[in-house]
Amino acid sequence: MVRPRQENPTPAELEVLQVLWEHGPSTVREVMTALNGRRPRAYTSVMSLMNVMAEKGLLRSKPQGRAFVYSARVSRDMVQSRIVSDLLGRVFDGSASTLVLHLLKQSKTDPQEIEEIRKAIAEFEQKKGSKS
């Protein structure tokens, strides 16, 4: 049976995207070098993964000499939005407050981060209030 195509990147694809978002357009070897800082991977495995990602529309490739340079076709913000939306719907039944409470319980949130969250909530409320 054929596996259905996933809307969201797999964990391995997300690692590649993070390298490209941080470093910009890169060759397979450059991505492999960045990934190997976390755990070793074979060149051919990274190349195969990036070719599949290009077929899925996550990456674009451009020939440069004997190699290809890959860049992300999707933005970090778009991917984060899709993943959070999926998580919110599937796991938290659409409840943003339950999601936020779980995030706060699970993370090691320092006082500065709590203040940033408060500011973000205040800005959200202000924007929402001005639209009413």
Protein backbone atom coordinates (compact mmCIF):
# COMPACT_ATOMS: atom_id res chain seq x y z
CA MET A 1 0.00 0.00 0.00
CA VAL A 2 1.30 3.47 -0.90
CA ARG A 3 1.91 5.81 2.00
CA PRO A 4 -0.20 8.99 1.72
CA ARG A 5 1.77 12.15 1.00
CA GLN A 6 2.35 14.19 4.13
CA GLU A 7 1.53 17.89 4.12
CA ASN A 8 4.15 18.58 6.80
CA PRO A 9 7.85 17.77 6.45
CA THR A 10 9.12 14.62 8.16
CA PRO A 11 11.63 15.11 11.02
CA ALA A 12 14.55 14.41 8.65
CA GLU A 13 13.17 16.86 6.06
CA LEU A 14 12.72 19.47 8.76
CA GLU A 15 16.39 19.13 9.72
CA VAL A 16 17.41 19.81 6.12
CA LEU A 17 15.05 22.79 5.90
CA GLN A 18 16.48 24.23 9.12
CA VAL A 19 19.99 24.06 7.66
CA LEU A 20 18.85 25.82 4.49
CA TRP A 21 16.90 28.48 6.43
CA GLU A 22 19.97 29.19 8.58
CA HIS A 23 22.69 28.94 5.90
CA GLY A 24 20.84 29.82 2.71
CA PRO A 25 21.26 27.99 -0.61
CA SER A 26 23.64 25.04 -0.16
CA THR A 27 25.00 21.96 -1.89
CA VAL A 28 24.28 18.46 -0.63
CA ARG A 29 27.80 18.31 0.84
CA GLU A 30 27.28 21.59 2.74
CA VAL A 31 23.96 20.36 4.15
CA MET A 32 25.53 17.00 5.06
CA THR A 33 28.38 18.76 6.88
CA ALA A 34 25.92 20.85 8.89
CA LEU A 35 23.76 17.81 9.71
CA ASN A 36 26.79 15.72 10.71
CA GLY A 37 27.38 18.16 13.56
CA ARG A 38 24.33 16.49 15.16
CA ARG A 39 24.73 12.88 13.99
CA PRO A 40 26.60 11.22 11.11
CA ARG A 41 24.86 10.78 7.75
CA ALA A 42 26.05 9.40 4.44
CA TYR A 43 26.31 11.72 1.45
CA THR A 44 24.04 9.47 -0.63
CA SER A 45 21.36 9.45 2.09
CA VAL A 46 21.32 13.24 2.28
CA MET A 47 21.31 13.51 -1.53
CA SER A 48 18.38 11.08 -1.82
CA LEU A 49 16.43 12.90 0.89
CA MET A 50 17.00 16.29 -0.76
CA ASN A 51 15.95 14.92 -4.18
CA VAL A 52 12.72 13.60 -2.67
CA MET A 53 12.17 16.97 -0.99
CA ALA A 54 12.61 18.70 -4.36
CA GLU A 55 10.04 16.34 -5.91
CA LYS A 56 7.64 17.15 -3.04
CA GLY A 57 8.05 20.89 -3.68
CA LEU A 58 9.90 21.63 -0.43
CA LEU A 59 13.18 22.49 -2.18
CA ARG A 60 14.31 23.93 -5.49
CA SER A 61 17.56 22.93 -7.10
CA LYS A 62 19.80 24.77 -9.52
CA PRO A 63 22.84 23.31 -11.28
CA GLN A 64 26.12 24.96 -10.37
CA GLY A 65 29.14 23.37 -12.02
CA ARG A 66 29.08 19.65 -11.31
CA ALA A 67 26.85 20.04 -8.24
CA PHE A 68 23.37 21.30 -7.48
CA VAL A 69 22.58 24.11 -5.10
CA TYR A 70 19.38 23.64 -3.13
CA SER A 71 17.21 26.27 -1.49
CA ALA A 72 14.00 26.09 0.52
CA ARG A 73 10.77 26.68 -1.43
CA VAL A 74 8.81 26.99 1.81
CA SER A 75 9.41 29.56 4.52
CA ARG A 76 10.11 28.72 8.14
CA ASP A 77 6.97 30.65 9.13
CA MET A 78 4.78 28.68 6.69
CA VAL A 79 6.07 25.33 7.94
CA GLN A 80 5.72 26.34 11.60
CA SER A 81 2.16 27.54 10.95
CA ARG A 82 1.21 24.27 9.24
CA ILE A 83 2.71 22.13 11.99
CA VAL A 84 1.16 24.14 14.82
CA SER A 85 -2.22 24.17 13.07
CA ASP A 86 -2.05 20.40 12.60
CA LEU A 87 -0.99 19.89 16.23
CA LEU A 88 -3.70 22.22 17.50
CA GLY A 89 -6.42 20.40 15.59
CA ARG A 90 -5.27 16.80 16.05
CA VAL A 91 -4.00 16.85 19.62
CA PHE A 92 -5.64 19.80 21.37
CA ASP A 93 -9.07 19.73 19.71
CA GLY A 94 -8.58 23.30 18.50
CA SER A 95 -7.99 24.72 22.01
CA ALA A 96 -5.18 27.29 21.90
CA SER A 97 -5.27 27.73 25.68
CA THR A 98 -4.71 24.01 26.29
CA LEU A 99 -1.82 24.03 23.80
CA VAL A 100 -0.22 27.07 25.46
CA LEU A 101 -0.61 25.58 28.95
CA HIS A 102 1.07 22.36 27.81
CA LEU A 103 3.88 24.32 26.19
CA LEU A 104 4.49 26.29 29.38
CA LYS A 105 4.49 23.14 31.52
CA GLN A 106 6.87 21.29 29.18
CA SER A 107 9.38 24.07 28.53
CA LYS A 108 11.96 25.61 30.80
CA THR A 109 10.53 29.11 30.50
CA ASP A 110 12.61 31.86 32.06
CA PRO A 111 11.16 35.17 33.35
CA GLN A 112 12.28 37.05 30.22
CA GLU A 113 10.42 34.58 28.00
CA ILE A 114 7.30 34.87 30.18
CA GLU A 115 7.46 38.64 29.74
CA GLU A 116 7.76 38.23 25.95
CA ILE A 117 4.68 35.96 26.02
CA ARG A 118 2.76 38.57 28.03
CA LYS A 119 3.70 41.27 25.53
CA ALA A 120 2.63 39.06 22.62
CA ILE A 121 -0.74 38.42 24.28
CA ALA A 122 -1.21 42.14 24.94
CA GLU A 123 -0.39 42.95 21.28
CA PHE A 124 -2.76 40.22 20.10
CA GLU A 125 -5.57 41.57 22.30
CA GLN A 126 -4.90 45.12 21.12
CA LYS A 127 -5.03 44.09 17.44
CA LYS A 128 -8.13 41.98 17.98
CA GLY A 129 -9.81 44.84 19.88
CA SER A 130 -9.09 47.32 17.09
CA LYS A 131 -10.71 44.97 14.52
CA SER A 132 -13.99 44.71 16.45
